Amino acid sequence: MVSAYAELEGRMRDRLGGRECLYVPSCRFGLYLALRRWCRPGGRVLMSPVNDDVIFFVVLAAGLRPVQAPLDPRDGSIDPAAVPESVWQGLSAVLTTNLYGNPDPAPELRAHCDRLSVPLIEDAAHAIGSTVGGRPVGTYGEASVFSLSKHTGAKTGGFLTLADPALREELSAARDALLSPTRTTAELAYLARPYAEAAVRGMRLVRAAHATMRLLGMEEREEIRMPLRAEELERALASAPALAPFHSWVRVDMHDYRLRPGSGRLRRTTRRLARLDGVLAAHRDGTARLLASEYAAPGASGEPPQPLFRVPLLVEDRDAAIAALARHRIPTGYVYDPPLDSYAGEAFTDLSPAPEAAARFARHALPVDPRRADQVLGLLRAAGTRPARLSEAPGGAR
């Protein structure tokens, strides 16, 4: 087990220029460890309102108050210039998102954190292979977290990376104390899942499979955002910081998020990570084509292009575009609408001081797998999908 961890960690350490890496069963689990280590309960954490709601609940589980940041409307990145000084002064940490692989402005955020003597924590779940300021995303913060469920397609695993390698032993012990024991049934289900999914796709039974998963309680989203369940959430907050009271929210879409991995799971994950360079090349190529299209935000194309996990095309009628793609069996995931401050309200988060840009971006963003760039562009054009033209704001794609 230790040697399998070591191989995965070594591969990731090489990608990050020697930064210390600790294997974790999921990005969300690694983020919880980081928030508990660097933030005292009751603190306030600046984060993006266009983000997975699971991350919002991880912040709450760590005993922290989310503070929603203003965003650049072109790529959904945090806009530091639009954050009032009064908000900066009340923070205990800054949490990046690097939405779809588009980097948040880590150099500027690092400078603010240094000025305020608060930690920068980078959520790089979408951003393996992305760079900012000439450095890999995930090398600016005291801690960063990566997912192996995204680009690698491993559907499990991730890394907590550390600026200070002396903290490895402490965080390794904290990880092990929170892991659930390996379950043989979960390992067998994980190893069988790719074959079952391939069979479902081959028989064109995707809708029936989703319906069955909902009936079995394995798929918990009927809409983009999971149900907030405000009264239950209030009760859970009284027990924070702790994972157990928030388990029903944090586990959504990944019930094995804190499971100790078995050897088969680790072997498959290692194979997937070894093929990452080829995957990143395909994502980079498709990203360049999508960002050259009429559906890209002005100024969104970078040189060289990032290997985005998903490319947020901006379309007028996002739901109609999703339906047009679905008719050709192209699913659309990773839509984060409405923004978290609209979703959760003042009872559970500090509202963004400038929410308009986030609302516009969330309403019009169509996340597209760049490996299907040509097919998607052809279908959108054939359907008469119109580009959305959002007003520009300071900052922008980097």
Protein backbone atom coordinates (compact mmCIF):
# COMPACT_ATOMS: atom_id res chain seq x y z
CA MET A 1 0.00 0.00 0.00
CA VAL A 2 2.75 2.42 0.96
CA SER A 3 4.72 1.69 -2.23
CA ALA A 4 1.61 2.28 -4.36
CA TYR A 5 1.04 5.64 -2.68
CA ALA A 6 4.70 6.47 -3.19
CA GLU A 7 4.60 5.85 -6.95
CA LEU A 8 1.55 8.08 -7.42
CA GLU A 9 3.01 10.78 -5.21
CA GLY A 10 6.33 10.65 -7.01
CA ARG A 11 4.70 11.11 -10.42
CA MET A 12 2.78 14.13 -9.20
CA ARG A 13 5.80 15.56 -7.39
CA ASP A 14 7.72 15.51 -10.66
CA ARG A 15 4.92 17.42 -12.41
CA LEU A 16 4.99 20.13 -9.75
CA GLY A 17 8.73 20.68 -9.68
CA GLY A 18 9.38 18.75 -6.48
CA ARG A 19 6.47 20.05 -4.38
CA GLU A 20 5.52 17.63 -1.61
CA CYS A 21 2.48 15.50 -2.54
CA LEU A 22 0.24 13.40 -0.32
CA TYR A 23 -2.21 10.94 -1.91
CA VAL A 24 -5.83 11.31 -0.78
CA PRO A 25 -8.94 9.39 -1.87
CA SER A 26 -10.57 12.52 -3.33
CA CYS A 27 -9.99 16.21 -3.88
CA ARG A 28 -12.82 17.15 -1.50
CA PHE A 29 -11.25 15.05 1.26
CA GLY A 30 -7.87 16.71 0.68
CA LEU A 31 -9.49 20.14 0.79
CA TYR A 32 -11.10 19.34 4.14
CA LEU A 33 -7.69 18.34 5.53
CA ALA A 34 -6.14 21.58 4.27
CA LEU A 35 -8.87 23.82 5.64
CA ARG A 36 -8.72 22.14 9.04
CA ARG A 37 -4.92 22.49 9.15
CA TRP A 38 -4.64 26.12 8.07
CA CYS A 39 -7.90 27.75 9.26
CA ARG A 40 -9.30 28.11 12.75
CA PRO A 41 -13.02 27.36 13.13
CA GLY A 42 -15.14 30.46 12.72
CA GLY A 43 -12.85 31.98 10.08
CA ARG A 44 -13.96 33.44 6.76
CA VAL A 45 -12.77 32.01 3.43
CA LEU A 46 -12.96 33.91 0.15
CA MET A 47 -14.12 31.60 -2.65
CA SER A 48 -15.82 31.63 -6.03
CA PRO A 49 -19.63 31.56 -6.16
CA VAL A 50 -19.43 29.60 -9.43
CA ASN A 51 -18.23 26.35 -7.97
CA ASP A 52 -19.45 22.87 -7.14
CA ASP A 53 -21.80 22.95 -4.17
CA VAL A 54 -19.88 20.01 -2.67
CA ILE A 55 -16.94 22.37 -2.13
CA PHE A 56 -19.25 24.84 -0.40
CA PHE A 57 -20.30 22.11 2.05
CA VAL A 58 -16.68 21.08 2.63
CA VAL A 59 -15.93 24.67 3.70
CA LEU A 60 -18.89 24.58 6.09
CA ALA A 61 -17.83 21.17 7.42
CA ALA A 62 -14.44 22.66 8.28
CA GLY A 63 -16.23 25.14 10.55
CA LEU A 64 -15.69 28.11 8.24
CA ARG A 65 -17.86 30.84 6.75
CA PRO A 66 -17.77 31.05 2.93
CA VAL A 67 -17.33 34.57 1.50
CA GLN A 68 -18.35 34.83 -2.15
CA ALA A 69 -15.94 36.70 -4.41
CA PRO A 70 -16.62 38.90 -7.46
CA LEU A 71 -15.71 37.16 -10.72
CA ASP A 72 -14.46 38.03 -14.17
CA PRO A 73 -17.49 37.37 -16.44
CA ARG A 74 -15.38 35.94 -19.25
CA ASP A 75 -13.85 32.91 -17.52
CA GLY A 76 -15.33 32.74 -14.02
CA SER A 77 -12.02 33.46 -12.26
CA ILE A 78 -11.82 35.49 -9.05
CA ASP A 79 -11.38 39.22 -9.74
CA PRO A 80 -9.12 40.52 -6.93
CA ALA A 81 -9.53 44.16 -8.02
CA ALA A 82 -13.28 43.97 -7.32
CA VAL A 83 -12.88 42.64 -3.75
CA PRO A 84 -13.38 45.55 -1.32
CA GLU A 85 -10.63 46.16 1.23
CA SER A 86 -13.17 45.63 4.01
CA VAL A 87 -13.66 42.08 2.73
CA TRP A 88 -9.93 41.39 2.44
CA GLN A 89 -9.40 42.52 6.03
CA GLY A 90 -11.95 40.03 7.41
CA LEU A 91 -10.52 36.90 5.78
CA SER A 92 -8.83 33.88 7.30
CA ALA A 93 -7.91 32.31 3.94
CA VAL A 94 -8.40 32.50 0.18
CA LEU A 95 -9.57 29.42 -1.76
CA THR A 96 -9.11 29.37 -5.54
CA THR A 97 -11.26 27.34 -7.96
CA ASN A 98 -9.39 27.43 -11.31
CA LEU A 99 -12.76 26.80 -12.91
CA TYR A 100 -12.63 24.25 -15.75
CA GLY A 101 -8.84 24.66 -15.70
CA ASN A 102 -8.86 28.44 -16.31
CA PRO A 103 -6.38 29.68 -13.69
CA ASP A 104 -7.41 32.08 -10.99
CA PRO A 105 -4.90 34.96 -10.72
CA ALA A 106 -2.67 33.15 -8.24
CA PRO A 107 0.21 35.70 -8.26
CA GLU A 108 -2.14 38.55 -7.29
CA LEU A 109 -3.98 36.41 -4.75
CA ARG A 110 -0.65 35.27 -3.30
CA ALA A 111 0.36 38.91 -2.87
CA HIS A 112 -2.89 39.73 -1.04
CA CYS A 113 -2.48 36.70 1.22
CA ASP A 114 1.09 37.67 2.05
CA ARG A 115 -0.06 41.22 2.84
CA LEU A 116 -2.77 39.91 5.16
CA SER A 117 -0.73 36.98 6.58
CA VAL A 118 -3.43 34.45 5.64
CA PRO A 119 -3.03 31.17 3.73
CA LEU A 120 -3.76 30.65 0.05
CA ILE A 121 -5.33 27.26 -0.68
CA GLU A 122 -5.60 26.23 -4.32
CA ASP A 123 -8.38 23.95 -5.54
CA ALA A 124 -6.80 22.59 -8.73
CA ALA A 125 -9.30 19.77 -9.33
CA HIS A 126 -9.88 20.96 -12.92
CA ALA A 127 -6.37 22.29 -13.48
CA ILE A 128 -3.77 19.52 -13.78
CA GLY A 129 -1.53 20.86 -16.53
CA SER A 130 -2.69 24.49 -16.34
CA THR A 131 -0.15 27.23 -15.65
CA VAL A 132 -0.25 30.82 -14.43
CA GLY A 133 2.62 33.28 -14.11
CA GLY A 134 4.98 30.73 -15.67
CA ARG A 135 4.31 28.15 -12.93
CA PRO A 136 1.96 25.18 -12.60
CA VAL A 137 -1.37 25.87 -10.96
CA GLY A 138 -1.12 24.46 -7.44
CA THR A 139 2.38 25.75 -6.65
CA TYR A 140 1.44 29.13 -5.14
CA GLY A 141 -0.49 28.20 -2.02
CA GLU A 142 0.43 26.83 1.37
CA ALA A 143 -1.64 23.87 0.19
CA SER A 144 -3.30 22.78 -3.03
CA VAL A 145 -5.58 19.91 -3.96
CA PHE A 146 -5.80 17.97 -7.22
CA SER A 147 -8.34 15.45 -8.49
CA LEU A 148 -7.63 12.26 -10.41
CA SER A 149 -11.31 11.97 -11.31
CA LYS A 150 -11.13 14.67 -13.99
CA HIS A 151 -8.44 14.62 -16.70
CA THR A 152 -7.22 11.11 -15.86
CA GLY A 153 -10.75 9.67 -15.68
CA ALA A 154 -9.76 7.50 -12.72
CA LYS A 155 -13.01 8.43 -10.91
CA THR A 156 -11.15 8.25 -7.62
CA GLY A 157 -8.14 9.69 -5.86
CA GLY A 158 -6.32 12.97 -5.68
CA PHE A 159 -3.46 14.82 -4.01
CA LEU A 160 -2.96 17.28 -1.21
CA THR A 161 0.26 19.15 -2.00
CA LEU A 162 2.28 21.16 0.49
CA ALA A 163 4.64 24.12 0.26
CA ASP A 164 6.29 22.97 3.50
CA PRO A 165 7.38 19.30 3.27
CA ALA A 166 7.89 19.24 7.04
CA LEU A 167 4.10 19.08 7.38
CA ARG A 168 3.82 15.80 5.52
CA GLU A 169 3.90 13.53 8.58
CA GLU A 170 1.27 15.61 10.41
CA LEU A 171 -1.12 15.65 7.46
CA SER A 172 -0.52 12.00 6.63
CA ALA A 173 -1.60 11.10 10.17
CA ALA A 174 -4.66 13.37 9.89
CA ARG A 175 -5.57 11.69 6.58
CA ASP A 176 -5.26 8.19 7.99
CA ALA A 177 -7.34 9.07 11.06
CA LEU A 178 -10.27 10.15 8.85
CA LEU A 179 -10.19 7.40 6.23
CA SER A 180 -12.93 4.78 6.20
CA PRO A 181 -11.77 1.14 5.98
CA THR A 182 -11.45 -0.48 2.56
CA ARG A 183 -14.65 -2.30 1.57
CA THR A 184 -14.39 -5.29 -0.75
CA THR A 185 -17.79 -4.56 -2.30
CA ALA A 186 -16.81 -0.97 -3.06
CA GLU A 187 -13.53 -2.10 -4.65
CA LEU A 188 -15.28 -4.67 -6.83
CA ALA A 189 -17.88 -2.12 -7.90
CA TYR A 190 -15.13 0.36 -8.77
CA LEU A 191 -13.23 -2.17 -10.88
CA ALA A 192 -16.42 -3.27 -12.70
CA ARG A 193 -17.75 0.23 -13.33
CA PRO A 194 -15.91 1.01 -16.62
CA TYR A 195 -17.23 -2.21 -18.20
CA ALA A 196 -20.79 -1.54 -17.00
CA GLU A 197 -20.67 2.03 -18.31
CA ALA A 198 -19.38 0.85 -21.69
CA ALA A 199 -22.21 -1.68 -21.92
CA VAL A 200 -24.81 0.96 -21.06
CA ARG A 201 -23.44 3.32 -23.70
CA GLY A 202 -23.34 0.55 -26.27
CA MET A 203 -26.99 -0.31 -25.68
CA ARG A 204 -27.98 3.38 -25.55
CA LEU A 205 -29.52 2.92 -22.11
CA VAL A 206 -28.05 6.04 -20.50
CA ARG A 207 -31.40 7.54 -19.45
CA ALA A 208 -32.62 4.24 -18.02
CA ALA A 209 -29.37 3.84 -16.09
CA HIS A 210 -29.69 7.30 -14.55
CA ALA A 211 -33.29 6.60 -13.55
CA THR A 212 -32.26 3.32 -11.90
CA MET A 213 -29.43 5.04 -10.01
CA ARG A 214 -31.88 7.66 -8.68
CA LEU A 215 -34.26 4.94 -7.48
CA LEU A 216 -31.38 3.24 -5.64
CA GLY A 217 -30.29 6.51 -4.03
CA MET A 218 -26.98 6.50 -5.92
CA GLU A 219 -27.71 9.65 -7.91
CA GLU A 220 -28.82 12.51 -5.69
CA ARG A 221 -29.20 15.42 -8.09
CA GLU A 222 -32.38 15.97 -10.02
CA GLU A 223 -31.33 19.55 -10.79
CA ILE A 224 -27.98 21.29 -11.19
CA ARG A 225 -27.64 22.08 -7.48
CA MET A 226 -28.34 19.45 -4.83
CA PRO A 227 -31.14 20.25 -2.36
CA LEU A 228 -29.81 22.62 0.34
CA ARG A 229 -32.03 21.26 3.16
CA ALA A 230 -31.65 24.41 5.22
CA GLU A 231 -33.04 23.12 8.53
CA GLU A 232 -30.79 20.05 8.48
CA LEU A 233 -27.85 22.22 7.49
CA GLU A 234 -28.45 24.52 10.46
CA ARG A 235 -28.27 21.51 12.77
CA ALA A 236 -25.10 20.24 11.11
CA LEU A 237 -23.42 23.63 11.56
CA ALA A 238 -23.80 23.32 15.30
CA SER A 239 -21.45 20.30 15.17
CA ALA A 240 -18.80 21.81 12.87
CA PRO A 241 -15.92 21.32 12.38
CA ALA A 242 -16.59 17.67 11.59
CA LEU A 243 -17.19 15.59 8.48
CA ALA A 244 -19.83 13.22 9.81
CA PRO A 245 -22.67 15.77 10.20
CA PHE A 246 -22.10 16.95 6.60
CA HIS A 247 -21.61 13.51 5.07
CA SER A 248 -24.91 13.50 3.16
CA TRP A 249 -23.86 16.68 1.31
CA VAL A 250 -20.13 16.02 0.91
CA ARG A 251 -20.59 12.49 -0.48
CA VAL A 252 -22.82 13.55 -3.40
CA ASP A 253 -21.51 12.22 -6.75
CA MET A 254 -18.71 10.34 -4.92
CA HIS A 255 -19.76 8.10 -2.05
CA ASP A 256 -16.20 6.72 -1.72
CA TYR A 257 -14.69 10.17 -1.12
CA ARG A 258 -13.02 9.11 2.16
CA LEU A 259 -12.54 5.41 1.52
CA ARG A 260 -9.10 3.87 2.01
CA PRO A 261 -8.22 2.58 -1.48
CA GLY A 262 -7.55 -1.05 -2.25
CA SER A 263 -4.66 -2.30 -4.37
CA GLY A 264 -6.76 -2.70 -7.52
CA ARG A 265 -8.01 0.86 -7.32
CA LEU A 266 -4.47 2.17 -6.82
CA ARG A 267 -3.09 0.15 -9.74
CA ARG A 268 -5.74 1.47 -12.12
CA THR A 269 -5.20 5.03 -10.89
CA THR A 270 -1.44 4.71 -11.42
CA ARG A 271 -1.97 3.51 -15.00
CA ARG A 272 -4.31 6.40 -15.70
CA LEU A 273 -1.89 8.97 -14.30
CA ALA A 274 0.94 7.53 -16.43
CA ARG A 275 -1.10 8.37 -19.57
CA LEU A 276 -1.85 11.93 -18.51
CA ASP A 277 0.46 13.70 -20.96
CA GLY A 278 -1.43 12.32 -23.95
CA VAL A 279 -4.73 13.34 -22.41
CA LEU A 280 -3.48 16.87 -21.74
CA ALA A 281 -2.32 17.19 -25.34
CA ALA A 282 -5.80 16.26 -26.59
CA HIS A 283 -7.44 18.72 -24.18
CA ARG A 284 -5.04 21.48 -25.23
CA ASP A 285 -5.74 20.91 -28.93
CA GLY A 286 -9.51 20.93 -28.48
CA THR A 287 -9.36 23.95 -26.20
CA ALA A 288 -7.56 25.94 -28.90
CA ARG A 289 -10.28 25.13 -31.45
CA LEU A 290 -13.14 25.96 -29.09
CA LEU A 291 -11.59 29.26 -27.98
CA ALA A 292 -11.14 30.25 -31.62
CA SER A 293 -14.90 29.86 -32.21
CA GLU A 294 -17.64 32.46 -32.08
CA TYR A 295 -18.81 31.04 -28.73
CA ALA A 296 -15.66 31.97 -26.80
CA ALA A 297 -15.57 35.08 -24.64
CA PRO A 298 -13.59 37.98 -26.14
CA GLY A 299 -9.98 37.69 -25.05
CA ALA A 300 -10.47 34.18 -23.69
CA SER A 301 -7.95 32.44 -25.93
CA GLY A 302 -4.50 32.19 -24.40
CA GLU A 303 -1.11 31.51 -25.97
CA PRO A 304 -0.33 28.73 -25.59
CA PRO A 305 -3.82 27.41 -24.73
CA GLN A 306 -4.35 25.69 -21.41
CA PRO A 307 -5.40 22.00 -21.43
CA LEU A 308 -8.81 22.90 -20.01
CA PHE A 309 -10.88 20.11 -18.45
CA ARG A 310 -13.98 21.77 -19.85
CA VAL A 311 -14.19 24.84 -22.07
CA PRO A 312 -16.92 27.28 -20.99
CA LEU A 313 -18.54 28.39 -24.23
CA LEU A 314 -20.91 31.32 -23.72
CA VAL A 315 -24.32 30.83 -25.35
CA GLU A 316 -27.59 32.75 -25.18
CA ASP A 317 -29.89 29.84 -24.35
CA ARG A 318 -27.75 27.42 -22.40
CA ASP A 319 -30.57 24.95 -21.68
CA ALA A 320 -31.51 24.71 -25.35
CA ALA A 321 -27.86 24.12 -26.23
CA ILE A 322 -27.64 21.34 -23.64
CA ALA A 323 -30.75 19.74 -25.14
CA ALA A 324 -29.33 19.99 -28.68
CA LEU A 325 -26.16 18.18 -27.58
CA ALA A 326 -28.09 15.59 -25.57
CA ARG A 327 -30.05 14.58 -28.69
CA HIS A 328 -26.72 13.38 -30.06
CA ARG A 329 -25.73 11.64 -26.80
CA ILE A 330 -23.29 14.35 -25.72
CA PRO A 331 -23.86 14.95 -22.00
CA THR A 332 -23.16 18.30 -20.36
CA GLY A 333 -21.96 18.31 -16.77
CA TYR A 334 -20.14 20.68 -14.43
CA VAL A 335 -22.74 23.44 -14.75
CA TYR A 336 -22.72 25.61 -11.61
CA ASP A 337 -25.89 27.67 -11.74
CA PRO A 338 -27.15 29.54 -9.77
CA PRO A 339 -24.08 31.02 -8.01
CA LEU A 340 -23.56 29.84 -4.45
CA ASP A 341 -24.73 33.06 -2.82
CA SER A 342 -28.08 32.79 -4.63
CA TYR A 343 -28.24 29.07 -3.84
CA ALA A 344 -27.41 29.29 -0.13
CA GLY A 345 -28.41 32.82 0.90
CA GLU A 346 -27.19 35.02 3.73
CA ALA A 347 -27.92 32.39 6.36
CA PHE A 348 -24.96 30.29 5.18
CA THR A 349 -22.59 32.59 3.29
CA ASP A 350 -21.42 36.17 2.93
CA LEU A 351 -22.88 37.43 -0.33
CA SER A 352 -20.66 38.68 -3.14
CA PRO A 353 -20.22 42.47 -3.10
CA ALA A 354 -20.57 42.42 -6.91
CA PRO A 355 -22.70 39.40 -7.90
CA GLU A 356 -23.74 40.42 -11.42
CA ALA A 357 -20.75 39.03 -13.32
CA ALA A 358 -21.00 35.63 -11.63
CA ALA A 359 -24.73 35.45 -12.34
CA ARG A 360 -24.19 36.22 -16.03
CA PHE A 361 -21.37 33.75 -16.39
CA ALA A 362 -23.28 30.97 -14.60
CA ARG A 363 -26.37 31.57 -16.74
CA HIS A 364 -24.56 31.42 -20.09
CA ALA A 365 -21.60 29.05 -19.56
CA LEU A 366 -21.82 25.78 -21.51
CA PRO A 367 -18.97 23.50 -20.33
CA VAL A 368 -17.73 21.44 -23.29
CA ASP A 369 -15.30 18.52 -23.33
CA PRO A 370 -12.52 19.81 -25.61
CA ARG A 371 -11.91 16.33 -27.00
CA ARG A 372 -15.28 16.65 -28.76
CA ALA A 373 -14.66 20.18 -30.01
CA ASP A 374 -15.44 19.69 -33.69
CA GLN A 375 -18.58 17.66 -33.09
CA VAL A 376 -19.92 20.11 -30.52
CA LEU A 377 -19.28 23.16 -32.68
CA GLY A 378 -21.00 21.51 -35.64
CA LEU A 379 -24.08 20.65 -33.58
CA LEU A 380 -24.35 24.09 -31.98
CA ARG A 381 -24.12 25.81 -35.35
CA ALA A 382 -26.65 23.43 -36.90
CA ALA A 383 -29.04 24.13 -34.01
CA GLY A 384 -28.73 27.89 -34.54
CA THR A 385 -27.22 28.43 -31.09
CA ARG A 386 -26.35 32.09 -30.63
CA PRO A 387 -23.23 33.27 -28.78
CA ALA A 388 -23.75 35.30 -25.61
CA ARG A 389 -21.94 38.62 -25.48
CA LEU A 390 -21.10 39.47 -21.91
CA SER A 391 -19.76 42.86 -20.95
CA GLU A 392 -16.10 42.70 -20.04
CA ALA A 393 -14.75 43.35 -16.58
CA PRO A 394 -11.24 43.99 -15.24
CA GLY A 395 -9.00 40.97 -15.09
CA GLY A 396 -10.04 38.37 -17.65
CA ALA A 397 -8.66 35.12 -18.91
CA ARG A 398 -5.00 34.50 -18.29
